[in-house]
Amino acid sequence: MSAGARSALLLFAGLIAGGVLSPLLLPWIPGRAFSVKGAL
């Protein structure tokens, strides 16, 4: 209930970071490669 829910939340956070934040902030995130922008 605690660690499991936290893990699912963090995986979803990775999706939001790479699938939402990275595209929206694409010109301003450092790096040229999309993979680097997503990792950051």
Full PDB file with SEQRES, HELIX, SHEET, SSBOND, CRYST1, ORIGX, SCALE, CONECT and MASTER records, all heavy atoms in Angstrom:
SEQRES   1 A   40  MET SER ALA GLY ALA ARG SER ALA LEU LEU LEU PHE ALA          
SEQRES   2 A   40  GLY LEU ILE ALA GLY GLY VAL LEU SER PRO LEU LEU LEU          
SEQRES   3 A   40  PRO TRP ILE PRO GLY ARG ALA PHE SER VAL LYS GLY ALA          
SEQRES   4 A   40  LEU                                                          
HELIX    1 AA1 ALA A    3  ILE A   16  1                                  14    
HELIX    2 AA2 ALA A   17  LEU A   21  3                                   5    
HELIX    3 AA3 SER A   22  LEU A   24  1                                   3    
HELIX    4 AA4 PHE A   34  ALA A   39  1                                   6    
CRYST1    1.000    1.000    1.000  90.00  90.00  90.00 P 1           1          
ORIGX1      1.000000  0.000000  0.000000        0.00000                         
ORIGX2      0.000000  1.000000  0.000000        0.00000                         
ORIGX3      0.000000  0.000000  1.000000        0.00000                         
SCALE1      1.000000  0.000000  0.000000        0.00000                         
SCALE2      0.000000  1.000000  0.000000        0.00000                         
SCALE3      0.000000  0.000000  1.000000        0.00000                         
ATOM      1  N   MET A   1       0.811  -1.209   0.000  1.00  0.00           N  
ATOM      2  CA  MET A   1       0.000   0.000   0.000  1.00  0.00           C  
ATOM      3  C   MET A   1       0.849   1.266   0.000  1.00  0.00           C  
ATOM      4  O   MET A   1       0.475   2.271  -0.591  1.00  0.00           O  
ATOM      5  CB  MET A   1      -0.935   0.003   1.221  1.00  0.00           C  
ATOM      6  CG  MET A   1      -1.906  -1.160   1.238  1.00  0.00           C  
ATOM      7  SD  MET A   1      -3.022  -1.154  -0.193  1.00  0.00           S  
ATOM      8  CE  MET A   1      -3.922   0.370   0.106  1.00  0.00           C  
ATOM      9  N   SER A   2       2.004   1.205   0.662  1.00  0.00           N  
ATOM     10  CA  SER A   2       2.846   2.403   0.753  1.00  0.00           C  
ATOM     11  C   SER A   2       3.885   2.445  -0.359  1.00  0.00           C  
ATOM     12  O   SER A   2       3.849   3.301  -1.257  1.00  0.00           O  
ATOM     13  CB  SER A   2       3.524   2.461   2.120  1.00  0.00           C  
ATOM     14  OG  SER A   2       4.297   1.274   2.339  1.00  0.00           O  
ATOM     15  N   ALA A   3       4.821   1.482  -0.339  1.00  0.00           N  
ATOM     16  CA  ALA A   3       5.892   1.466  -1.334  1.00  0.00           C  
ATOM     17  C   ALA A   3       5.352   1.166  -2.736  1.00  0.00           C  
ATOM     18  O   ALA A   3       5.846   1.697  -3.735  1.00  0.00           O  
ATOM     19  CB  ALA A   3       6.953   0.434  -0.953  1.00  0.00           C  
ATOM     20  N   GLY A   4       4.314   0.319  -2.830  1.00  0.00           N  
ATOM     21  CA  GLY A   4       3.745  -0.016  -4.136  1.00  0.00           C  
ATOM     22  C   GLY A   4       3.095   1.186  -4.786  1.00  0.00           C  
ATOM     23  O   GLY A   4       3.296   1.458  -5.975  1.00  0.00           O  
ATOM     24  N   ALA A   5       2.292   1.903  -4.009  1.00  0.00           N  
ATOM     25  CA  ALA A   5       1.643   3.110  -4.535  1.00  0.00           C  
ATOM     26  C   ALA A   5       2.682   4.157  -4.927  1.00  0.00           C  
ATOM     27  O   ALA A   5       2.555   4.842  -5.945  1.00  0.00           O  
ATOM     28  CB  ALA A   5       0.680   3.669  -3.500  1.00  0.00           C  
ATOM     29  N   ARG A   6       3.741   4.263  -4.100  1.00  0.00           N  
ATOM     30  CA  ARG A   6       4.805   5.217  -4.393  1.00  0.00           C  
ATOM     31  C   ARG A   6       5.504   4.853  -5.709  1.00  0.00           C  
ATOM     32  O   ARG A   6       5.804   5.720  -6.523  1.00  0.00           O  
ATOM     33  CB  ARG A   6       5.809   5.227  -3.246  1.00  0.00           C  
ATOM     34  CG  ARG A   6       6.987   6.177  -3.474  1.00  0.00           C  
ATOM     35  CD  ARG A   6       7.803   6.320  -2.218  1.00  0.00           C  
ATOM     36  NE  ARG A   6       8.526   5.105  -1.882  1.00  0.00           N  
ATOM     37  CZ  ARG A   6       8.412   4.443  -0.737  1.00  0.00           C  
ATOM     38  NH1 ARG A   6       7.563   4.854   0.185  1.00  0.00           N  
ATOM     39  NH2 ARG A   6       9.134   3.355  -0.494  1.00  0.00           N  
ATOM     40  N   SER A   7       5.739   3.577  -5.934  1.00  0.00           N  
ATOM     41  CA  SER A   7       6.414   3.135  -7.151  1.00  0.00           C  
ATOM     42  C   SER A   7       5.591   3.445  -8.393  1.00  0.00           C  
ATOM     43  O   SER A   7       6.109   3.929  -9.401  1.00  0.00           O  
ATOM     44  CB  SER A   7       6.690   1.625  -7.072  1.00  0.00           C  
ATOM     45  OG  SER A   7       7.504   1.313  -5.958  1.00  0.00           O  
ATOM     46  N   ALA A   8       4.282   3.152  -8.321  1.00  0.00           N  
ATOM     47  CA  ALA A   8       3.404   3.440  -9.454  1.00  0.00           C  
ATOM     48  C   ALA A   8       3.375   4.936  -9.738  1.00  0.00           C  
ATOM     49  O   ALA A   8       3.398   5.371 -10.900  1.00  0.00           O  
ATOM     50  CB  ALA A   8       2.000   2.917  -9.177  1.00  0.00           C  
ATOM     51  N   LEU A   9       3.345   5.741  -8.681  1.00  0.00           N  
ATOM     52  CA  LEU A   9       3.336   7.194  -8.836  1.00  0.00           C  
ATOM     53  C   LEU A   9       4.613   7.686  -9.520  1.00  0.00           C  
ATOM     54  O   LEU A   9       4.577   8.546 -10.398  1.00  0.00           O  
ATOM     55  CB  LEU A   9       3.181   7.859  -7.465  1.00  0.00           C  
ATOM     56  CG  LEU A   9       3.293   9.395  -7.447  1.00  0.00           C  
ATOM     57  CD1 LEU A   9       2.151  10.008  -8.234  1.00  0.00           C  
ATOM     58  CD2 LEU A   9       3.289   9.918  -6.006  1.00  0.00           C  
ATOM     59  N   LEU A  10       5.748   7.117  -9.131  1.00  0.00           N  
ATOM     60  CA  LEU A  10       7.017   7.544  -9.701  1.00  0.00           C  
ATOM     61  C   LEU A  10       7.147   7.143 -11.174  1.00  0.00           C  
ATOM     62  O   LEU A  10       7.698   7.892 -11.988  1.00  0.00           O  
ATOM     63  CB  LEU A  10       8.173   6.959  -8.887  1.00  0.00           C  
ATOM     64  CG  LEU A  10       8.407   7.662  -7.546  1.00  0.00           C  
ATOM     65  CD1 LEU A  10       9.255   6.802  -6.619  1.00  0.00           C  
ATOM     66  CD2 LEU A  10       9.072   9.016  -7.771  1.00  0.00           C  
ATOM     67  N   LEU A  11       6.659   5.948 -11.523  1.00  0.00           N  
ATOM     68  CA  LEU A  11       6.668   5.561 -12.932  1.00  0.00           C  
ATOM     69  C   LEU A  11       5.805   6.511 -13.763  1.00  0.00           C  
ATOM     70  O   LEU A  11       6.181   6.914 -14.866  1.00  0.00           O  
ATOM     71  CB  LEU A  11       6.161   4.132 -13.092  1.00  0.00           C  
ATOM     72  CG  LEU A  11       7.125   3.013 -12.687  1.00  0.00           C  
ATOM     73  CD1 LEU A  11       6.440   1.659 -12.832  1.00  0.00           C  
ATOM     74  CD2 LEU A  11       8.398   3.055 -13.536  1.00  0.00           C  
ATOM     75  N   PHE A  12       4.648   6.868 -13.228  1.00  0.00           N  
ATOM     76  CA  PHE A  12       3.772   7.817 -13.919  1.00  0.00           C  
ATOM     77  C   PHE A  12       4.452   9.179 -14.036  1.00  0.00           C  
ATOM     78  O   PHE A  12       4.302   9.881 -15.042  1.00  0.00           O  
ATOM     79  CB  PHE A  12       2.450   7.944 -13.165  1.00  0.00           C  
ATOM     80  CG  PHE A  12       1.473   8.867 -13.822  1.00  0.00           C  
ATOM     81  CD1 PHE A  12       0.830   8.511 -14.992  1.00  0.00           C  
ATOM     82  CD2 PHE A  12       1.197  10.114 -13.267  1.00  0.00           C  
ATOM     83  CE1 PHE A  12      -0.070   9.376 -15.604  1.00  0.00           C  
ATOM     84  CE2 PHE A  12       0.297  10.977 -13.855  1.00  0.00           C  
ATOM     85  CZ  PHE A  12      -0.344  10.608 -15.042  1.00  0.00           C  
ATOM     86  N   ALA A  13       5.219   9.564 -13.004  1.00  0.00           N  
ATOM     87  CA  ALA A  13       5.963  10.825 -13.057  1.00  0.00           C  
ATOM     88  C   ALA A  13       6.979  10.810 -14.197  1.00  0.00           C  
ATOM     89  O   ALA A  13       7.215  11.829 -14.850  1.00  0.00           O  
ATOM     90  CB  ALA A  13       6.666  11.078 -11.724  1.00  0.00           C  
ATOM     91  N   GLY A  14       7.586   9.637 -14.445  1.00  0.00           N  
ATOM     92  CA  GLY A  14       8.505   9.515 -15.574  1.00  0.00           C  
ATOM     93  C   GLY A  14       7.805   9.723 -16.901  1.00  0.00           C  
ATOM     94  O   GLY A  14       8.340  10.364 -17.814  1.00  0.00           O  
ATOM     95  N   LEU A  15       6.586   9.189 -17.018  1.00  0.00           N  
ATOM     96  CA  LEU A  15       5.802   9.385 -18.235  1.00  0.00           C  
ATOM     97  C   LEU A  15       5.461  10.862 -18.432  1.00  0.00           C  
ATOM     98  O   LEU A  15       5.560  11.392 -19.541  1.00  0.00           O  
ATOM     99  CB  LEU A  15       4.518   8.552 -18.168  1.00  0.00           C  
ATOM    100  CG  LEU A  15       3.487   8.761 -19.287  1.00  0.00           C  
ATOM    101  CD1 LEU A  15       4.089   8.424 -20.645  1.00  0.00           C  
ATOM    102  CD2 LEU A  15       2.238   7.932 -19.029  1.00  0.00           C  
ATOM    103  N   ILE A  16       5.046  11.524 -17.359  1.00  0.00           N  
ATOM    104  CA  ILE A  16       4.711  12.949 -17.446  1.00  0.00           C  
ATOM    105  C   ILE A  16       5.946  13.772 -17.814  1.00  0.00           C  
ATOM    106  O   ILE A  16       5.880  14.689 -18.640  1.00  0.00           O  
ATOM    107  CB  ILE A  16       4.123  13.446 -16.108  1.00  0.00           C  
ATOM    108  CG1 ILE A  16       2.781  12.750 -15.829  1.00  0.00           C  
ATOM    109  CG2 ILE A  16       3.946  14.951 -16.119  1.00  0.00           C  
ATOM    110  CD1 ILE A  16       1.722  13.005 -16.878  1.00  0.00           C  
ATOM    111  N   ALA A  17       7.084  13.427 -17.208  1.00  0.00           N  
ATOM    112  CA  ALA A  17       8.317  14.173 -17.492  1.00  0.00           C  
ATOM    113  C   ALA A  17       8.732  14.033 -18.957  1.00  0.00           C  
ATOM    114  O   ALA A  17       9.094  15.013 -19.615  1.00  0.00           O  
ATOM    115  CB  ALA A  17       9.437  13.698 -16.572  1.00  0.00           C  
ATOM    116  N   GLY A  18       8.691  12.797 -19.461  1.00  0.00           N  
ATOM    117  CA  GLY A  18       9.147  12.574 -20.830  1.00  0.00           C  
ATOM    118  C   GLY A  18       8.102  12.846 -21.885  1.00  0.00           C  
ATOM    119  O   GLY A  18       8.433  13.298 -22.982  1.00  0.00           O  
ATOM    120  N   GLY A  19       6.820  12.577 -21.553  1.00  0.00           N  
ATOM    121  CA  GLY A  19       5.764  12.710 -22.555  1.00  0.00           C  
ATOM    122  C   GLY A  19       5.035  14.026 -22.538  1.00  0.00           C  
ATOM    123  O   GLY A  19       4.311  14.339 -23.488  1.00  0.00           O  
ATOM    124  N   VAL A  20       5.187  14.809 -21.463  1.00  0.00           N  
ATOM    125  CA  VAL A  20       4.484  16.093 -21.371  1.00  0.00           C  
ATOM    126  C   VAL A  20       5.461  17.256 -21.198  1.00  0.00           C  
ATOM    127  O   VAL A  20       5.505  18.176 -22.023  1.00  0.00           O  
ATOM    128  CB  VAL A  20       3.464  16.084 -20.206  1.00  0.00           C  
ATOM    129  CG1 VAL A  20       2.747  17.436 -20.124  1.00  0.00           C  
ATOM    130  CG2 VAL A  20       2.445  14.969 -20.399  1.00  0.00           C  
ATOM    131  N   LEU A  21       6.249  17.210 -20.119  1.00  0.00           N  
ATOM    132  CA  LEU A  21       7.153  18.337 -19.850  1.00  0.00           C  
ATOM    133  C   LEU A  21       8.203  18.520 -20.941  1.00  0.00           C  
ATOM    134  O   LEU A  21       8.456  19.639 -21.390  1.00  0.00           O  
ATOM    135  CB  LEU A  21       7.851  18.137 -18.492  1.00  0.00           C  
ATOM    136  CG  LEU A  21       6.978  18.273 -17.246  1.00  0.00           C  
ATOM    137  CD1 LEU A  21       7.829  18.128 -15.994  1.00  0.00           C  
ATOM    138  CD2 LEU A  21       6.262  19.622 -17.236  1.00  0.00           C  
ATOM    139  N   SER A  22       8.809  17.423 -21.361  1.00  0.00           N  
ATOM    140  CA  SER A  22       9.868  17.538 -22.374  1.00  0.00           C  
ATOM    141  C   SER A  22       9.367  18.142 -23.689  1.00  0.00           C  
ATOM    142  O   SER A  22      10.001  19.051 -24.233  1.00  0.00           O  
ATOM    143  CB  SER A  22      10.510  16.172 -22.629  1.00  0.00           C  
ATOM    144  OG  SER A  22      11.178  15.719 -21.478  1.00  0.00           O  
ATOM    145  N   PRO A  23       8.220  17.676 -24.247  1.00  0.00           N  
ATOM    146  CA  PRO A  23       7.725  18.311 -25.467  1.00  0.00           C  
ATOM    147  C   PRO A  23       7.358  19.783 -25.285  1.00  0.00           C  
ATOM    148  O   PRO A  23       7.674  20.618 -26.137  1.00  0.00           O  
ATOM    149  CB  PRO A  23       6.487  17.477 -25.823  1.00  0.00           C  
ATOM    150  CG  PRO A  23       6.723  16.158 -25.191  1.00  0.00           C  
ATOM    151  CD  PRO A  23       7.451  16.467 -23.914  1.00  0.00           C  
ATOM    152  N   LEU A  24       6.689  20.093 -24.165  1.00  0.00           N  
ATOM    153  CA  LEU A  24       6.253  21.472 -23.960  1.00  0.00           C  
ATOM    154  C   LEU A  24       7.430  22.427 -23.756  1.00  0.00           C  
ATOM    155  O   LEU A  24       7.418  23.563 -24.235  1.00  0.00           O  
ATOM    156  CB  LEU A  24       5.296  21.558 -22.766  1.00  0.00           C  
ATOM    157  CG  LEU A  24       3.962  20.804 -22.915  1.00  0.00           C  
ATOM    158  CD1 LEU A  24       3.061  21.083 -21.713  1.00  0.00           C  
ATOM    159  CD2 LEU A  24       3.252  21.218 -24.198  1.00  0.00           C  
ATOM    160  N   LEU A  25       8.439  21.955 -23.043  1.00  0.00           N  
ATOM    161  CA  LEU A  25       9.604  22.812 -22.741  1.00  0.00           C  
ATOM    162  C   LEU A  25      10.783  22.510 -23.669  1.00  0.00           C  
ATOM    163  O   LEU A  25      11.922  22.862 -23.349  1.00  0.00           O  
ATOM    164  CB  LEU A  25      10.026  22.606 -21.283  1.00  0.00           C  
ATOM    165  CG  LEU A  25       8.937  22.857 -20.233  1.00  0.00           C  
ATOM    166  CD1 LEU A  25       9.472  22.571 -18.834  1.00  0.00           C  
ATOM    167  CD2 LEU A  25       8.423  24.294 -20.315  1.00  0.00           C  
ATOM    168  N   LEU A  26      10.501  21.900 -24.794  1.00  0.00           N  
ATOM    169  CA  LEU A  26      11.541  21.413 -25.697  1.00  0.00           C  
ATOM    170  C   LEU A  26      12.627  22.441 -26.037  1.00  0.00           C  
ATOM    171  O   LEU A  26      13.820  22.128 -25.950  1.00  0.00           O  
ATOM    172  CB  LEU A  26      10.881  20.896 -26.981  1.00  0.00           C  
ATOM    173  CG  LEU A  26      11.770  20.093 -27.932  1.00  0.00           C  
ATOM    174  CD1 LEU A  26      12.227  18.786 -27.286  1.00  0.00           C  
ATOM    175  CD2 LEU A  26      11.008  19.796 -29.229  1.00  0.00           C  
ATOM    176  N   PRO A  27      12.272  23.680 -26.406  1.00  0.00           N  
ATOM    177  CA  PRO A  27      13.329  24.621 -26.800  1.00  0.00           C  
ATOM    178  C   PRO A  27      14.204  25.095 -25.647  1.00  0.00           C  
ATOM    179  O   PRO A  27      15.298  25.606 -25.875  1.00  0.00           O  
ATOM    180  CB  PRO A  27      12.543  25.805 -27.402  1.00  0.00           C  
ATOM    181  CG  PRO A  27      11.165  25.299 -27.630  1.00  0.00           C  
ATOM    182  CD  PRO A  27      10.936  24.260 -26.582  1.00  0.00           C  
ATOM    183  N   TRP A  28      13.707  24.936 -24.416  1.00  0.00           N  
ATOM    184  CA  TRP A  28      14.409  25.521 -23.270  1.00  0.00           C  
ATOM    185  C   TRP A  28      15.170  24.505 -22.427  1.00  0.00           C  
ATOM    186  O   TRP A  28      15.998  24.894 -21.592  1.00  0.00           O  
ATOM    187  CB  TRP A  28      13.402  26.280 -22.395  1.00  0.00           C  
ATOM    188  CG  TRP A  28      12.670  27.323 -23.185  1.00  0.00           C  
ATOM    189  CD1 TRP A  28      13.165  28.514 -23.643  1.00  0.00           C  
ATOM    190  CD2 TRP A  28      11.306  27.261 -23.626  1.00  0.00           C  
ATOM    191  NE1 TRP A  28      12.213  29.194 -24.345  1.00  0.00           N  
ATOM    192  CE2 TRP A  28      11.059  28.457 -24.361  1.00  0.00           C  
ATOM    193  CE3 TRP A  28      10.288  26.317 -23.489  1.00  0.00           C  
ATOM    194  CZ2 TRP A  28       9.815  28.719 -24.939  1.00  0.00           C  
ATOM    195  CZ3 TRP A  28       9.054  26.582 -24.073  1.00  0.00           C  
ATOM    196  CH2 TRP A  28       8.826  27.768 -24.783  1.00  0.00           C  
ATOM    197  N   ILE A  29      14.912  23.221 -22.590  1.00  0.00           N  
ATOM    198  CA  ILE A  29      15.652  22.211 -21.823  1.00  0.00           C  
ATOM    199  C   ILE A  29      17.032  22.044 -22.454  1.00  0.00           C  
ATOM    200  O   ILE A  29      17.142  21.901 -23.681  1.00  0.00           O  
ATOM    201  CB  ILE A  29      14.911  20.860 -21.820  1.00  0.00           C  
ATOM    202  CG1 ILE A  29      13.522  21.018 -21.206  1.00  0.00           C  
ATOM    203  CG2 ILE A  29      15.709  19.810 -21.045  1.00  0.00           C  
ATOM    204  CD1 ILE A  29      12.682  19.755 -21.247  1.00  0.00           C  
ATOM    205  N   PRO A  30      18.096  22.053 -21.671  1.00  0.00           N  
ATOM    206  CA  PRO A  30      19.446  21.923 -22.239  1.00  0.00           C  
ATOM    207  C   PRO A  30      19.630  20.614 -22.997  1.00  0.00           C  
ATOM    208  O   PRO A  30      18.973  19.609 -22.719  1.00  0.00           O  
ATOM    209  CB  PRO A  30      20.354  21.953 -20.992  1.00  0.00           C  
ATOM    210  CG  PRO A  30      19.534  22.614 -19.938  1.00  0.00           C  
ATOM    211  CD  PRO A  30      18.112  22.237 -20.218  1.00  0.00           C  
ATOM    212  N   GLY A  31      20.536  20.624 -23.951  1.00  0.00           N  
ATOM    213  CA  GLY A  31      20.844  19.429 -24.728  1.00  0.00           C  
ATOM    214  C   GLY A  31      20.172  19.454 -26.083  1.00  0.00           C  
ATOM    215  O   GLY A  31      19.151  20.110 -26.282  1.00  0.00           O  
ATOM    216  N   ARG A  32      20.736  18.721 -27.015  1.00  0.00           N  
ATOM    217  CA  ARG A  32      20.182  18.640 -28.362  1.00  0.00           C  
ATOM    218  C   ARG A  32      19.344  17.376 -28.544  1.00  0.00           C  
ATOM    219  O   ARG A  32      18.299  17.400 -29.189  1.00  0.00           O  
ATOM    220  CB  ARG A  32      21.330  18.655 -29.384  1.00  0.00           C  
ATOM    221  CG  ARG A  32      20.868  18.647 -30.827  1.00  0.00           C  
ATOM    222  CD  ARG A  32      22.055  18.690 -31.780  1.00  0.00           C  
ATOM    223  NE  ARG A  32      21.626  18.698 -33.158  1.00  0.00           N  
ATOM    224  CZ  ARG A  32      21.293  19.775 -33.852  1.00  0.00           C  
ATOM    225  NH1 ARG A  32      21.332  20.967 -33.254  1.00  0.00           N  
ATOM    226  NH2 ARG A  32      20.917  19.717 -35.119  1.00  0.00           N  
ATOM    227  N   ALA A  33      19.805  16.268 -27.964  1.00  0.00           N  
ATOM    228  CA  ALA A  33      19.109  14.988 -28.111  1.00  0.00           C  
ATOM    229  C   ALA A  33      17.840  14.972 -27.256  1.00  0.00           C  
ATOM    230  O   ALA A  33      17.841  15.415 -26.106  1.00  0.00           O  
ATOM    231  CB  ALA A  33      20.032  13.844 -27.710  1.00  0.00           C  
ATOM    232  N   PHE A  34      16.768  14.430 -27.814  1.00  0.00           N  
ATOM    233  CA  PHE A  34      15.514  14.330 -27.080  1.00  0.00           C  
ATOM    234  C   PHE A  34      15.667  13.422 -25.870  1.00  0.00           C  
ATOM    235  O   PHE A  34      15.051  13.657 -24.828  1.00  0.00           O  
ATOM    236  CB  PHE A  34      14.421  13.790 -28.010  1.00  0.00           C  
ATOM    237  CG  PHE A  34      13.866  14.804 -28.965  1.00  0.00           C  
ATOM    238  CD1 PHE A  34      14.690  15.522 -29.805  1.00  0.00           C  
ATOM    239  CD2 PHE A  34      12.507  15.048 -29.017  1.00  0.00           C  
ATOM    240  CE1 PHE A  34      14.185  16.447 -30.691  1.00  0.00           C  
ATOM    241  CE2 PHE A  34      11.975  15.973 -29.908  1.00  0.00           C  
ATOM    242  CZ  PHE A  34      12.817  16.683 -30.750  1.00  0.00           C  
ATOM    243  N   SER A  35      16.456  12.361 -26.008  1.00  0.00           N  
ATOM    244  CA  SER A  35      16.660  11.438 -24.896  1.00  0.00           C  
ATOM    245  C   SER A  35      17.328  12.138 -23.713  1.00  0.00           C  
ATOM    246  O   SER A  35      16.990  11.871 -22.553  1.00  0.00           O  
ATOM    247  CB  SER A  35      17.510  10.253 -25.345  1.00  0.00           C  
ATOM    248  OG  SER A  35      18.730  10.682 -25.915  1.00  0.00           O  
ATOM    249  N   VAL A  36      18.245  13.028 -23.995  1.00  0.00           N  
ATOM    250  CA  VAL A  36      18.916  13.785 -22.932  1.00  0.00           C  
ATOM    251  C   VAL A  36      17.941  14.746 -22.265  1.00  0.00           C  
ATOM    252  O   VAL A  36      17.905  14.882 -21.038  1.00  0.00           O  
ATOM    253  CB  VAL A  36      20.129  14.546 -23.495  1.00  0.00           C  
ATOM    254  CG1 VAL A  36      20.727  15.479 -22.446  1.00  0.00           C  
ATOM    255  CG2 VAL A  36      21.194  13.567 -23.984  1.00  0.00           C  
ATOM    256  N   LYS A  37      17.132  15.430 -23.086  1.00  0.00           N  
ATOM    257  CA  LYS A  37      16.135  16.352 -22.536  1.00  0.00           C  
ATOM    258  C   LYS A  37      15.167  15.608 -21.617  1.00  0.00           C  
ATOM    259  O   LYS A  37      14.802  16.102 -20.544  1.00  0.00           O  
ATOM    260  CB  LYS A  37      15.367  17.015 -23.682  1.00  0.00           C  
ATOM    261  CG  LYS A  37      16.187  17.995 -24.527  1.00  0.00           C  
ATOM    262  CD  LYS A  37      15.369  18.526 -25.685  1.00  0.00           C  
ATOM    263  CE  LYS A  37      16.147  19.493 -26.555  1.00  0.00           C  
ATOM    264  NZ  LYS A  37      16.383  20.788 -25.897  1.00  0.00           N  
ATOM    265  N   GLY A  38      14.750  14.407 -22.036  1.00  0.00           N  
ATOM    266  CA  GLY A  38      13.840  13.623 -21.206  1.00  0.00           C  
ATOM    267  C   GLY A  38      14.480  13.183 -19.915  1.00  0.00           C  
ATOM    268  O   GLY A  38      13.849  13.235 -18.842  1.00  0.00           O  
ATOM    269  N   ALA A  39      15.726  12.724 -19.978  1.00  0.00           N  
ATOM    270  CA  ALA A  39      16.434  12.294 -18.773  1.00  0.00           C  
ATOM    271  C   ALA A  39      16.571  13.441 -17.778  1.00  0.00           C  
ATOM    272  O   ALA A  39      16.387  13.256 -16.565  1.00  0.00           O  
ATOM    273  CB  ALA A  39      17.810  11.739 -19.144  1.00  0.00           C  
ATOM    274  N   LEU A  40      16.874  14.629 -18.281  1.00  0.00           N  
ATOM    275  CA  LEU A  40      16.994  15.798 -17.400  1.00  0.00           C  
ATOM    276  C   LEU A  40      15.652  16.145 -16.764  1.00  0.00           C  
ATOM    277  O   LEU A  40      15.592  16.491 -15.578  1.00  0.00           O  
ATOM    278  CB  LEU A  40      17.522  16.997 -18.199  1.00  0.00           C  
ATOM    279  CG  LEU A  40      18.981  16.910 -18.661  1.00  0.00           C  
ATOM    280  CD1 LEU A  40      19.336  18.100 -19.547  1.00  0.00           C  
ATOM    281  CD2 LEU A  40      19.921  16.853 -17.454  1.00  0.00           C  
TER     282      LEU A  40                                                      
MASTER        0    0    0    4    0    0    0    6  281    1    0    4          
END                                                                             
